[in-house]
PDB file of N, CA and C in Angstrom:
ATOM      1  N   UNK A   1      -0.727 -79.985  12.665  1.00  0.00           N
ATOM      2  CA  UNK A   1      -0.826 -78.707  11.986  1.00  0.00           C
ATOM      3  C   UNK A   1       0.185 -77.703  12.543  1.00  0.00           C
ATOM      4  N   UNK A   2       0.327 -77.644  13.859  1.00  0.00           N
ATOM      5  CA  UNK A   2       1.266 -76.714  14.490  1.00  0.00           C
ATOM      6  C   UNK A   2       2.699 -77.077  14.110  1.00  0.00           C
ATOM      7  N   UNK A   3       3.001 -78.363  14.009  1.00  0.00           N
ATOM      8  CA  UNK A   3       4.346 -78.787  13.623  1.00  0.00           C
ATOM      9  C   UNK A   3       4.666 -78.335  12.200  1.00  0.00           C
ATOM     10  N   UNK A   4       3.695 -78.406  11.300  1.00  0.00           N
ATOM     11  CA  UNK A   4       3.909 -77.976   9.928  1.00  0.00           C
ATOM     12  C   UNK A   4       4.163 -76.474   9.867  1.00  0.00           C
ATOM     13  N   UNK A   5       3.402 -75.708  10.626  1.00  0.00           N
ATOM     14  CA  UNK A   5       3.573 -74.251  10.652  1.00  0.00           C
ATOM     15  C   UNK A   5       4.933 -73.896  11.234  1.00  0.00           C
ATOM     16  N   UNK A   6       5.309 -74.572  12.312  1.00  0.00           N
ATOM     17  CA  UNK A   6       6.614 -74.325  12.923  1.00  0.00           C
ATOM     18  C   UNK A   6       7.733 -74.670  11.954  1.00  0.00           C
ATOM     19  N   UNK A   7       7.618 -75.815  11.296  1.00  0.00           N
ATOM     20  CA  UNK A   7       8.646 -76.222  10.331  1.00  0.00           C
ATOM     21  C   UNK A   7       8.722 -75.233   9.173  1.00  0.00           C
ATOM     22  N   UNK A   8       7.588 -74.785   8.687  1.00  0.00           N
ATOM     23  CA  UNK A   8       7.566 -73.823   7.589  1.00  0.00           C
ATOM     24  C   UNK A   8       8.186 -72.499   8.020  1.00  0.00           C
ATOM     25  N   UNK A   9       7.844 -72.046   9.207  1.00  0.00           N
ATOM     26  CA  UNK A   9       8.395 -70.790   9.728  1.00  0.00           C
ATOM     27  C   UNK A   9       9.902 -70.887   9.879  1.00  0.00           C
ATOM     28  N   UNK A  10      10.376 -71.975  10.451  1.00  0.00           N
ATOM     29  CA  UNK A  10      11.824 -72.161  10.625  1.00  0.00           C
ATOM     30  C   UNK A  10      12.544 -72.230   9.285  1.00  0.00           C
ATOM     31  N   UNK A  11      11.950 -72.899   8.316  1.00  0.00           N
ATOM     32  CA  UNK A  11      12.603 -72.990   7.004  1.00  0.00           C
ATOM     33  C   UNK A  11      12.644 -71.624   6.320  1.00  0.00           C
ATOM     34  N   UNK A  12      11.607 -70.804   6.504  1.00  0.00           N
ATOM     35  CA  UNK A  12      11.601 -69.456   5.912  1.00  0.00           C
ATOM     36  C   UNK A  12      12.672 -68.589   6.570  1.00  0.00           C
ATOM     37  N   UNK A  13      12.799 -68.682   7.875  1.00  0.00           N
ATOM     38  CA  UNK A  13      13.821 -67.911   8.586  1.00  0.00           C
ATOM     39  C   UNK A  13      15.207 -68.342   8.126  1.00  0.00           C
ATOM     40  N   UNK A  14      15.428 -69.634   8.006  1.00  0.00           N
ATOM     41  CA  UNK A  14      16.720 -70.163   7.585  1.00  0.00           C
ATOM     42  C   UNK A  14      17.060 -69.709   6.170  1.00  0.00           C
ATOM     43  N   UNK A  15      16.072 -69.743   5.262  1.00  0.00           N
ATOM     44  CA  UNK A  15      16.352 -69.334   3.877  1.00  0.00           C
ATOM     45  C   UNK A  15      16.655 -67.841   3.801  1.00  0.00           C
ATOM     46  N   UNK A  16      15.978 -67.030   4.608  1.00  0.00           N
ATOM     47  CA  UNK A  16      16.280 -65.594   4.642  1.00  0.00           C
ATOM     48  C   UNK A  16      17.698 -65.354   5.145  1.00  0.00           C
ATOM     49  N   UNK A  17      18.113 -66.110   6.131  1.00  0.00           N
ATOM     50  CA  UNK A  17      19.467 -65.978   6.659  1.00  0.00           C
ATOM     51  C   UNK A  17      20.489 -66.370   5.602  1.00  0.00           C
ATOM     52  N   UNK A  18      20.200 -67.396   4.813  1.00  0.00           N
ATOM     53  CA  UNK A  18      21.115 -67.820   3.757  1.00  0.00           C
ATOM     54  C   UNK A  18      21.262 -66.741   2.693  1.00  0.00           C
ATOM     55  N   UNK A  19      20.160 -66.135   2.295  1.00  0.00           N
ATOM     56  CA  UNK A  19      20.210 -65.083   1.281  1.00  0.00           C
ATOM     57  C   UNK A  19      21.017 -63.913   1.802  1.00  0.00           C
ATOM     58  N   UNK A  20      20.757 -63.487   3.043  1.00  0.00           N
ATOM     59  CA  UNK A  20      21.485 -62.367   3.627  1.00  0.00           C
ATOM     60  C   UNK A  20      22.967 -62.687   3.748  1.00  0.00           C
ATOM     61  N   UNK A  21      23.306 -63.894   4.135  1.00  0.00           N
ATOM     62  CA  UNK A  21      24.698 -64.303   4.261  1.00  0.00           C
ATOM     63  C   UNK A  21      25.371 -64.358   2.893  1.00  0.00           C
ATOM     64  N   UNK A  22      24.644 -64.794   1.886  1.00  0.00           N
ATOM     65  CA  UNK A  22      25.218 -64.887   0.548  1.00  0.00           C
ATOM     66  C   UNK A  22      25.612 -63.519   0.017  1.00  0.00           C
ATOM     67  N   UNK A  23      24.828 -62.484   0.312  1.00  0.00           N
ATOM     68  CA  UNK A  23      25.125 -61.148  -0.189  1.00  0.00           C
ATOM     69  C   UNK A  23      26.003 -60.340   0.756  1.00  0.00           C
ATOM     70  N   UNK A  24      26.101 -60.751   2.009  1.00  0.00           N
ATOM     71  CA  UNK A  24      26.908 -60.000   2.964  1.00  0.00           C
ATOM     72  C   UNK A  24      28.363 -60.037   2.543  1.00  0.00           C
ATOM     73  N   UNK A  25      28.975 -58.894   2.518  1.00  0.00           N
ATOM     74  CA  UNK A  25      30.389 -58.822   2.198  1.00  0.00           C
ATOM     75  C   UNK A  25      30.705 -58.782   0.717  1.00  0.00           C
ATOM     76  N   UNK A  26      29.696 -58.906  -0.133  1.00  0.00           N
ATOM     77  CA  UNK A  26      29.945 -58.819  -1.570  1.00  0.00           C
ATOM     78  C   UNK A  26      30.019 -57.354  -1.958  1.00  0.00           C
ATOM     79  N   UNK A  27      31.126 -56.912  -2.539  1.00  0.00           N
ATOM     80  CA  UNK A  27      31.211 -55.514  -2.962  1.00  0.00           C
ATOM     81  C   UNK A  27      30.098 -55.159  -3.942  1.00  0.00           C
ATOM     82  N   UNK A  28      29.490 -54.006  -3.717  1.00  0.00           N
ATOM     83  CA  UNK A  28      28.480 -53.516  -4.626  1.00  0.00           C
ATOM     84  C   UNK A  28      27.078 -54.016  -4.387  1.00  0.00           C
ATOM     85  N   UNK A  29      26.851 -54.793  -3.336  1.00  0.00           N
ATOM     86  CA  UNK A  29      25.523 -55.320  -3.042  1.00  0.00           C
ATOM     87  C   UNK A  29      25.176 -55.019  -1.596  1.00  0.00           C
ATOM     88  N   UNK A  30      24.035 -54.369  -1.395  1.00  0.00           N
ATOM     89  CA  UNK A  30      23.604 -54.013  -0.052  1.00  0.00           C
ATOM     90  C   UNK A  30      22.087 -53.936  -0.001  1.00  0.00           C
ATOM     91  N   UNK A  31      21.536 -54.036   1.175  1.00  0.00           N
ATOM     92  CA  UNK A  31      20.098 -53.896   1.361  1.00  0.00           C
ATOM     93  C   UNK A  31      19.674 -52.451   1.546  1.00  0.00           C
ATOM     94  N   UNK A  32      20.630 -51.540   1.628  1.00  0.00           N
ATOM     95  CA  UNK A  32      20.330 -50.122   1.809  1.00  0.00           C
ATOM     96  C   UNK A  32      19.539 -49.605   0.606  1.00  0.00           C
ATOM     97  N   UNK A  33      18.501 -48.842   0.877  1.00  0.00           N
ATOM     98  CA  UNK A  33      17.703 -48.264  -0.201  1.00  0.00           C
ATOM     99  C   UNK A  33      18.274 -46.892  -0.528  1.00  0.00           C
ATOM    100  N   UNK A  34      18.671 -46.711  -1.770  1.00  0.00           N
ATOM    101  CA  UNK A  34      19.247 -45.450  -2.218  1.00  0.00           C
ATOM    102  C   UNK A  34      18.129 -44.563  -2.771  1.00  0.00           C
ATOM    103  N   UNK A  35      17.971 -43.394  -2.169  1.00  0.00           N
ATOM    104  CA  UNK A  35      16.932 -42.453  -2.567  1.00  0.00           C
ATOM    105  C   UNK A  35      17.377 -41.039  -2.211  1.00  0.00           C
ATOM    106  N   UNK A  36      16.457 -40.075  -2.273  1.00  0.00           N
ATOM    107  CA  UNK A  36      16.810 -38.687  -1.986  1.00  0.00           C
ATOM    108  C   UNK A  36      17.340 -38.533  -0.559  1.00  0.00           C
ATOM    109  N   UNK A  37      16.730 -39.210   0.394  1.00  0.00           N
ATOM    110  CA  UNK A  37      17.208 -39.120   1.783  1.00  0.00           C
ATOM    111  C   UNK A  37      18.639 -39.623   1.911  1.00  0.00           C
ATOM    112  N   UNK A  38      18.957 -40.692   1.186  1.00  0.00           N
ATOM    113  CA  UNK A  38      20.312 -41.231   1.253  1.00  0.00           C
ATOM    114  C   UNK A  38      21.318 -40.244   0.664  1.00  0.00           C
ATOM    115  N   UNK A  39      21.031 -39.683  -0.514  1.00  0.00           N
ATOM    116  CA  UNK A  39      22.002 -38.795  -1.162  1.00  0.00           C
ATOM    117  C   UNK A  39      22.233 -37.547  -0.317  1.00  0.00           C
ATOM    118  N   UNK A  40      21.272 -37.146   0.498  1.00  0.00           N
ATOM    119  CA  UNK A  40      21.455 -35.991   1.372  1.00  0.00           C
ATOM    120  C   UNK A  40      22.475 -36.265   2.475  1.00  0.00           C
ATOM    121  N   UNK A  41      22.732 -37.527   2.761  1.00  0.00           N
ATOM    122  CA  UNK A  41      23.748 -37.895   3.752  1.00  0.00           C
ATOM    123  C   UNK A  41      25.161 -37.854   3.170  1.00  0.00           C
ATOM    124  N   UNK A  42      25.243 -37.925   1.845  1.00  0.00           N
ATOM    125  CA  UNK A  42      26.540 -37.931   1.172  1.00  0.00           C
ATOM    126  C   UNK A  42      26.989 -36.488   0.974  1.00  0.00           C
ATOM    127  N   UNK A  43      28.194 -36.189   1.403  1.00  0.00           N
ATOM    128  CA  UNK A  43      28.736 -34.833   1.298  1.00  0.00           C
ATOM    129  C   UNK A  43      29.939 -34.821   0.366  1.00  0.00           C
ATOM    130  N   UNK A  44      30.123 -33.708  -0.373  1.00  0.00           N
ATOM    131  CA  UNK A  44      31.322 -33.601  -1.207  1.00  0.00           C
ATOM    132  C   UNK A  44      32.576 -33.738  -0.349  1.00  0.00           C
ATOM    133  N   UNK A  45      33.546 -34.455  -0.866  1.00  0.00           N
ATOM    134  CA  UNK A  45      34.831 -34.709  -0.204  1.00  0.00           C
ATOM    135  C   UNK A  45      34.702 -35.612   1.028  1.00  0.00           C
ATOM    136  N   UNK A  46      33.581 -36.308   1.159  1.00  0.00           N
ATOM    137  CA  UNK A  46      33.416 -37.307   2.225  1.00  0.00           C
ATOM    138  C   UNK A  46      34.391 -38.450   1.963  1.00  0.00           C
ATOM    139  N   UNK A  47      35.073 -38.939   2.994  1.00  0.00           N
ATOM    140  CA  UNK A  47      35.957 -40.090   2.781  1.00  0.00           C
ATOM    141  C   UNK A  47      35.170 -41.314   2.292  1.00  0.00           C
ATOM    142  N   UNK A  48      35.772 -42.049   1.373  1.00  0.00           N
ATOM    143  CA  UNK A  48      35.131 -43.251   0.825  1.00  0.00           C
ATOM    144  C   UNK A  48      34.750 -44.219   1.942  1.00  0.00           C
ATOM    145  N   UNK A  49      35.620 -44.379   2.946  1.00  0.00           N
ATOM    146  CA  UNK A  49      35.337 -45.296   4.058  1.00  0.00           C
ATOM    147  C   UNK A  49      34.070 -44.911   4.809  1.00  0.00           C
ATOM    148  N   UNK A  50      33.832 -43.623   4.948  1.00  0.00           N
ATOM    149  CA  UNK A  50      32.617 -43.156   5.622  1.00  0.00           C
ATOM    150  C   UNK A  50      31.383 -43.484   4.774  1.00  0.00           C
ATOM    151  N   UNK A  51      31.499 -43.334   3.462  1.00  0.00           N
ATOM    152  CA  UNK A  51      30.400 -43.686   2.563  1.00  0.00           C
ATOM    153  C   UNK A  51      30.084 -45.176   2.655  1.00  0.00           C
ATOM    154  N   UNK A  52      31.124 -45.991   2.732  1.00  0.00           N
ATOM    155  CA  UNK A  52      30.933 -47.443   2.843  1.00  0.00           C
ATOM    156  C   UNK A  52      30.120 -47.769   4.096  1.00  0.00           C
ATOM    157  N   UNK A  53      30.388 -47.072   5.186  1.00  0.00           N
ATOM    158  CA  UNK A  53      29.645 -47.314   6.432  1.00  0.00           C
ATOM    159  C   UNK A  53      28.165 -47.012   6.277  1.00  0.00           C
ATOM    160  N   UNK A  54      27.822 -45.905   5.604  1.00  0.00           N
ATOM    161  CA  UNK A  54      26.400 -45.591   5.477  1.00  0.00           C
ATOM    162  C   UNK A  54      25.727 -46.393   4.365  1.00  0.00           C
ATOM    163  N   UNK A  55      26.502 -46.849   3.379  1.00  0.00           N
ATOM    164  CA  UNK A  55      25.936 -47.673   2.304  1.00  0.00           C
ATOM    165  C   UNK A  55      25.737 -49.120   2.770  1.00  0.00           C
ATOM    166  N   UNK A  56      26.562 -49.574   3.689  1.00  0.00           N
ATOM    167  CA  UNK A  56      26.415 -50.929   4.209  1.00  0.00           C
ATOM    168  C   UNK A  56      27.321 -51.959   3.564  1.00  0.00           C
ATOM    169  N   UNK A  57      28.074 -51.576   2.548  1.00  0.00           N
ATOM    170  CA  UNK A  57      29.000 -52.500   1.875  1.00  0.00           C
ATOM    171  C   UNK A  57      29.953 -51.685   1.016  1.00  0.00           C
ATOM    172  N   UNK A  58      31.087 -52.267   0.686  1.00  0.00           N
ATOM    173  CA  UNK A  58      32.012 -51.617  -0.242  1.00  0.00           C
ATOM    174  C   UNK A  58      31.398 -51.626  -1.631  1.00  0.00           C
ATOM    175  N   UNK A  59      31.737 -50.630  -2.415  1.00  0.00           N
ATOM    176  CA  UNK A  59      31.240 -50.571  -3.780  1.00  0.00           C
ATOM    177  C   UNK A  59      32.015 -51.502  -4.691  1.00  0.00           C
ATOM    178  N   UNK A  60      31.370 -51.892  -5.779  1.00  0.00           N
ATOM    179  CA  UNK A  60      32.049 -52.678  -6.809  1.00  0.00           C
ATOM    180  C   UNK A  60      32.793 -51.688  -7.704  1.00  0.00           C
ATOM    181  N   UNK A  61      34.089 -51.880  -7.837  1.00  0.00           N
ATOM    182  CA  UNK A  61      34.895 -50.998  -8.671  1.00  0.00           C
ATOM    183  C   UNK A  61      34.545 -51.245 -10.133  1.00  0.00           C
ATOM    184  N   UNK A  62      34.074 -50.192 -10.821  1.00  0.00           N
ATOM    185  CA  UNK A  62      33.637 -50.355 -12.206  1.00  0.00           C
ATOM    186  C   UNK A  62      34.465 -49.547 -13.192  1.00  0.00           C
ATOM    187  N   UNK A  63      35.415 -48.775 -12.691  1.00  0.00           N
ATOM    188  CA  UNK A  63      36.258 -48.009 -13.593  1.00  0.00           C
ATOM    189  C   UNK A  63      37.344 -47.269 -12.853  1.00  0.00           C
ATOM    190  N   UNK A  64      38.410 -46.955 -13.591  1.00  0.00           N
ATOM    191  CA  UNK A  64      39.514 -46.200 -12.999  1.00  0.00           C
ATOM    192  C   UNK A  64      40.192 -45.400 -14.100  1.00  0.00           C
ATOM    193  N   UNK A  65      40.389 -44.125 -13.826  1.00  0.00           N
ATOM    194  CA  UNK A  65      41.057 -43.214 -14.748  1.00  0.00           C
ATOM    195  C   UNK A  65      42.392 -42.834 -14.121  1.00  0.00           C
ATOM    196  N   UNK A  66      43.489 -43.288 -14.704  1.00  0.00           N
ATOM    197  CA  UNK A  66      44.811 -43.106 -14.086  1.00  0.00           C
ATOM    198  C   UNK A  66      45.619 -41.970 -14.706  1.00  0.00           C
ATOM    199  N   UNK A  67      44.989 -41.095 -15.481  1.00  0.00           N
ATOM    200  CA  UNK A  67      45.733 -40.050 -16.190  1.00  0.00           C
ATOM    201  C   UNK A  67      46.285 -38.964 -15.283  1.00  0.00           C
ATOM    202  N   UNK A  68      45.642 -38.692 -14.184  1.00  0.00           N
ATOM    203  CA  UNK A  68      46.085 -37.608 -13.309  1.00  0.00           C
ATOM    204  C   UNK A  68      46.876 -38.171 -12.124  1.00  0.00           C
ATOM    205  N   UNK A  69      47.531 -37.285 -11.361  1.00  0.00           N
ATOM    206  CA  UNK A  69      48.288 -37.754 -10.196  1.00  0.00           C
ATOM    207  C   UNK A  69      47.398 -38.465  -9.165  1.00  0.00           C
ATOM    208  N   UNK A  70      46.141 -38.012  -9.058  1.00  0.00           N
ATOM    209  CA  UNK A  70      45.190 -38.678  -8.159  1.00  0.00           C
ATOM    210  C   UNK A  70      44.130 -39.361  -9.031  1.00  0.00           C
ATOM    211  N   UNK A  71      44.230 -40.685  -9.198  1.00  0.00           N
ATOM    212  CA  UNK A  71      43.303 -41.388 -10.086  1.00  0.00           C
ATOM    213  C   UNK A  71      41.850 -41.273  -9.628  1.00  0.00           C
ATOM    214  N   UNK A  72      40.940 -41.220 -10.610  1.00  0.00           N
ATOM    215  CA  UNK A  72      39.507 -41.210 -10.312  1.00  0.00           C
ATOM    216  C   UNK A  72      39.010 -42.649 -10.426  1.00  0.00           C
ATOM    217  N   UNK A  73      38.334 -43.108  -9.370  1.00  0.00           N
ATOM    218  CA  UNK A  73      37.817 -44.470  -9.338  1.00  0.00           C
ATOM    219  C   UNK A  73      36.296 -44.411  -9.276  1.00  0.00           C
ATOM    220  N   UNK A  74      35.630 -45.201 -10.111  1.00  0.00           N
ATOM    221  CA  UNK A  74      34.170 -45.269 -10.133  1.00  0.00           C
ATOM    222  C   UNK A  74      33.713 -46.528  -9.410  1.00  0.00           C
ATOM    223  N   UNK A  75      32.720 -46.360  -8.528  1.00  0.00           N
ATOM    224  CA  UNK A  75      32.137 -47.473  -7.771  1.00  0.00           C
ATOM    225  C   UNK A  75      30.638 -47.537  -8.031  1.00  0.00           C
ATOM    226  N   UNK A  76      30.091 -48.754  -7.917  1.00  0.00           N
ATOM    227  CA  UNK A  76      28.658 -48.986  -8.147  1.00  0.00           C
ATOM    228  C   UNK A  76      28.105 -49.880  -7.044  1.00  0.00           C
ATOM    229  N   UNK A  77      26.881 -49.569  -6.602  1.00  0.00           N
ATOM    230  CA  UNK A  77      26.169 -50.392  -5.632  1.00  0.00           C
ATOM    231  C   UNK A  77      24.774 -50.703  -6.170  1.00  0.00           C
ATOM    232  N   UNK A  78      24.326 -51.941  -5.986  1.00  0.00           N
ATOM    233  CA  UNK A  78      22.926 -52.315  -6.184  1.00  0.00           C
ATOM    234  C   UNK A  78      22.323 -52.375  -4.798  1.00  0.00           C
ATOM    235  N   UNK A  79      21.307 -51.544  -4.567  1.00  0.00           N
ATOM    236  CA  UNK A  79      20.699 -51.461  -3.246  1.00  0.00           C
ATOM    237  C   UNK A  79      19.355 -52.143  -3.181  1.00  0.00           C
ATOM    238  N   UNK A  80      18.698 -51.966  -2.038  1.00  0.00           N
ATOM    239  CA  UNK A  80      17.386 -52.548  -1.818  1.00  0.00           C
ATOM    240  C   UNK A  80      16.341 -51.953  -2.751  1.00  0.00           C
ATOM    241  N   UNK A  81      15.320 -52.754  -3.060  1.00  0.00           N
ATOM    242  CA  UNK A  81      14.206 -52.355  -3.919  1.00  0.00           C
ATOM    243  C   UNK A  81      14.667 -51.806  -5.267  1.00  0.00           C
ATOM    244  N   UNK A  82      15.706 -52.414  -5.820  1.00  0.00           N
ATOM    245  CA  UNK A  82      16.249 -52.086  -7.151  1.00  0.00           C
ATOM    246  C   UNK A  82      16.759 -50.655  -7.256  1.00  0.00           C
ATOM    247  N   UNK A  83      17.264 -50.121  -6.160  1.00  0.00           N
ATOM    248  CA  UNK A  83      17.883 -48.794  -6.200  1.00  0.00           C
ATOM    249  C   UNK A  83      19.368 -48.955  -6.511  1.00  0.00           C
ATOM    250  N   UNK A  84      19.987 -47.846  -6.956  1.00  0.00           N
ATOM    251  CA  UNK A  84      21.374 -47.899  -7.410  1.00  0.00           C
ATOM    252  C   UNK A  84      22.126 -46.674  -6.901  1.00  0.00           C
ATOM    253  N   UNK A  85      23.398 -46.869  -6.572  1.00  0.00           N
ATOM    254  CA  UNK A  85      24.289 -45.775  -6.209  1.00  0.00           C
ATOM    255  C   UNK A  85      25.537 -45.866  -7.076  1.00  0.00           C
ATOM    256  N   UNK A  86      25.902 -44.751  -7.712  1.00  0.00           N
ATOM    257  CA  UNK A  86      27.135 -44.650  -8.481  1.00  0.00           C
ATOM    258  C   UNK A  86      27.941 -43.484  -7.939  1.00  0.00           C
ATOM    259  N   UNK A  87      29.235 -43.722  -7.689  1.00  0.00           N
ATOM    260  CA  UNK A  87      30.087 -42.724  -7.039  1.00  0.00           C
ATOM    261  C   UNK A  87      31.430 -42.652  -7.750  1.00  0.00           C
ATOM    262  N   UNK A  88      31.977 -41.440  -7.844  1.00  0.00           N
ATOM    263  CA  UNK A  88      33.352 -41.230  -8.299  1.00  0.00           C
ATOM    264  C   UNK A  88      34.170 -40.744  -7.119  1.00  0.00           C
ATOM    265  N   UNK A  89      35.352 -41.326  -6.961  1.00  0.00           N
ATOM    266  CA  UNK A  89      36.223 -41.032  -5.829  1.00  0.00           C
ATOM    267  C   UNK A  89      37.596 -40.624  -6.365  1.00  0.00           C
ATOM    268  N   UNK A  90      38.134 -39.520  -5.819  1.00  0.00           N
ATOM    269  CA  UNK A  90      39.479 -39.071  -6.154  1.00  0.00           C
ATOM    270  C   UNK A  90      40.245 -38.921  -4.852  1.00  0.00           C
ATOM    271  N   UNK A  91      41.412 -39.544  -4.779  1.00  0.00           N
ATOM    272  CA  UNK A  91      42.265 -39.490  -3.590  1.00  0.00           C
ATOM    273  C   UNK A  91      41.492 -39.902  -2.333  1.00  0.00           C
ATOM    274  N   UNK A  92      40.632 -40.906  -2.457  1.00  0.00           N
ATOM    275  CA  UNK A  92      39.904 -41.423  -1.303  1.00  0.00           C
ATOM    276  C   UNK A  92      38.718 -40.584  -0.866  1.00  0.00           C
ATOM    277  N   UNK A  93      38.345 -39.561  -1.657  1.00  0.00           N
ATOM    278  CA  UNK A  93      37.241 -38.663  -1.310  1.00  0.00           C
ATOM    279  C   UNK A  93      36.169 -38.693  -2.401  1.00  0.00           C
ATOM    280  N   UNK A  94      34.913 -38.639  -1.978  1.00  0.00           N
ATOM    281  CA  UNK A  94      33.786 -38.633  -2.912  1.00  0.00           C
ATOM    282  C   UNK A  94      33.723 -37.283  -3.621  1.00  0.00           C
ATOM    283  N   UNK A  95      33.746 -37.304  -4.956  1.00  0.00           N
ATOM    284  CA  UNK A  95      33.644 -36.062  -5.726  1.00  0.00           C
ATOM    285  C   UNK A  95      32.329 -35.970  -6.497  1.00  0.00           C
ATOM    286  N   UNK A  96      31.668 -37.103  -6.696  1.00  0.00           N
ATOM    287  CA  UNK A  96      30.409 -37.122  -7.428  1.00  0.00           C
ATOM    288  C   UNK A  96      29.638 -38.359  -7.004  1.00  0.00           C
ATOM    289  N   UNK A  97      28.322 -38.205  -6.847  1.00  0.00           N
ATOM    290  CA  UNK A  97      27.478 -39.345  -6.488  1.00  0.00           C
ATOM    291  C   UNK A  97      26.107 -39.167  -7.118  1.00  0.00           C
ATOM    292  N   UNK A  98      25.546 -40.275  -7.587  1.00  0.00           N
ATOM    293  CA  UNK A  98      24.207 -40.275  -8.165  1.00  0.00           C
ATOM    294  C   UNK A  98      23.474 -41.515  -7.682  1.00  0.00           C
ATOM    295  N   UNK A  99      22.217 -41.332  -7.262  1.00  0.00           N
ATOM    296  CA  UNK A  99      21.385 -42.479  -6.902  1.00  0.00           C
ATOM    297  C   UNK A  99      20.230 -42.575  -7.889  1.00  0.00           C
ATOM    298  N   UNK A 100      19.798 -43.796  -8.119  1.00  0.00           N
ATOM    299  CA  UNK A 100      18.564 -44.052  -8.846  1.00  0.00           C
ATOM    300  C   UNK A 100      17.644 -44.728  -7.839  1.00  0.00           C
ATOM    301  N   UNK A 101      16.566 -44.050  -7.494  1.00  0.00           N
ATOM    302  CA  UNK A 101      15.669 -44.517  -6.443  1.00  0.00           C
ATOM    303  C   UNK A 101      14.818 -45.688  -6.918  1.00  0.00           C
ATOM    304  N   UNK A 102      14.122 -46.353  -5.986  1.00  0.00           N
ATOM    305  CA  UNK A 102      13.226 -47.443  -6.381  1.00  0.00           C
ATOM    306  C   UNK A 102      12.147 -46.990  -7.378  1.00  0.00           C
ATOM    307  N   UNK A 103      11.810 -45.688  -7.360  1.00  0.00           N
ATOM    308  CA  UNK A 103      10.816 -45.156  -8.300  1.00  0.00           C
ATOM    309  C   UNK A 103      11.479 -44.672  -9.594  1.00  0.00           C
ATOM    310  N   UNK A 104      12.739 -45.058  -9.790  1.00  0.00           N
ATOM    311  CA  UNK A 104      13.520 -44.748 -10.990  1.00  0.00           C
ATOM    312  C   UNK A 104      13.775 -43.243 -11.168  1.00  0.00           C
ATOM    313  N   UNK A 105      13.835 -42.520 -10.052  1.00  0.00           N
ATOM    314  CA  UNK A 105      14.185 -41.101 -10.093  1.00  0.00           C
ATOM    315  C   UNK A 105      15.660 -40.968  -9.764  1.00  0.00           C
ATOM    316  N   UNK A 106      16.327 -40.035 -10.468  1.00  0.00           N
ATOM    317  CA  UNK A 106      17.761 -39.831 -10.246  1.00  0.00           C
ATOM    318  C   UNK A 106      17.977 -38.593  -9.393  1.00  0.00           C
ATOM    319  N   UNK A 107      18.899 -38.732  -8.430  1.00  0.00           N
ATOM    320  CA  UNK A 107      19.305 -37.633  -7.574  1.00  0.00           C
ATOM    321  C   UNK A 107      20.833 -37.614  -7.550  1.00  0.00           C
ATOM    322  N   UNK A 108      21.402 -36.436  -7.719  1.00  0.00           N
ATOM    323  CA  UNK A 108      22.860 -36.353  -7.696  1.00  0.00           C
ATOM    324  C   UNK A 108      23.320 -35.513  -6.511  1.00  0.00           C
ATOM    325  N   UNK A 109      24.590 -35.615  -6.216  1.00  0.00           N
ATOM    326  CA  UNK A 109      25.179 -34.958  -5.050  1.00  0.00           C
ATOM    327  C   UNK A 109      24.909 -33.465  -5.058  1.00  0.00           C
ATOM    328  N   UNK A 110      25.116 -32.817  -6.179  1.00  0.00           N
ATOM    329  CA  UNK A 110      24.952 -31.365  -6.207  1.00  0.00           C
ATOM    330  C   UNK A 110      23.493 -30.937  -6.329  1.00  0.00           C
ATOM    331  N   UNK A 111      22.591 -31.852  -6.687  1.00  0.00           N
ATOM    332  CA  UNK A 111      21.185 -31.502  -6.853  1.00  0.00           C
ATOM    333  C   UNK A 111      20.292 -32.284  -5.887  1.00  0.00           C
ATOM    334  N   UNK A 112      20.777 -32.533  -4.684  1.00  0.00           N
ATOM    335  CA  UNK A 112      20.025 -33.356  -3.732  1.00  0.00           C
ATOM    336  C   UNK A 112      19.084 -32.550  -2.859  1.00  0.00           C
ATOM    337  N   UNK A 113      19.087 -31.250  -3.000  1.00  0.00           N
ATOM    338  CA  UNK A 113      18.194 -30.437  -2.187  1.00  0.00           C
ATOM    339  C   UNK A 113      18.790 -30.047  -0.866  1.00  0.00           C
ATOM    340  N   UNK A 114      20.120 -30.141  -0.732  1.00  0.00           N
ATOM    341  CA  UNK A 114      20.784 -29.761   0.524  1.00  0.00           C
ATOM    342  C   UNK A 114      20.764 -28.273   0.697  1.00  0.00           C
TER     343      UNK A 114
END
């Protein structure tokens, strides 16, 4: 009985490691939960690289507007518990951000309660 429990425990740990490894490094996928607390950490004109550090992964590039001298790039993240982060970046700086929390509530950069 103890051998079965040990084997089951080890297999569960191994499968969790595989899932985490499969998503690690994939742009736009992170275990970070995006909610009101998260959006309060995001500041206007924050460097994109700094946002990547707090989000836990690079965003998936979902759009680019090249009409102006500094193109606007849109990024998307799927976070933990079905939360979502959408960000617009101009010249490497965050200009707009919106999260959809696990409870399906939307919070934006300018309306985060800061």
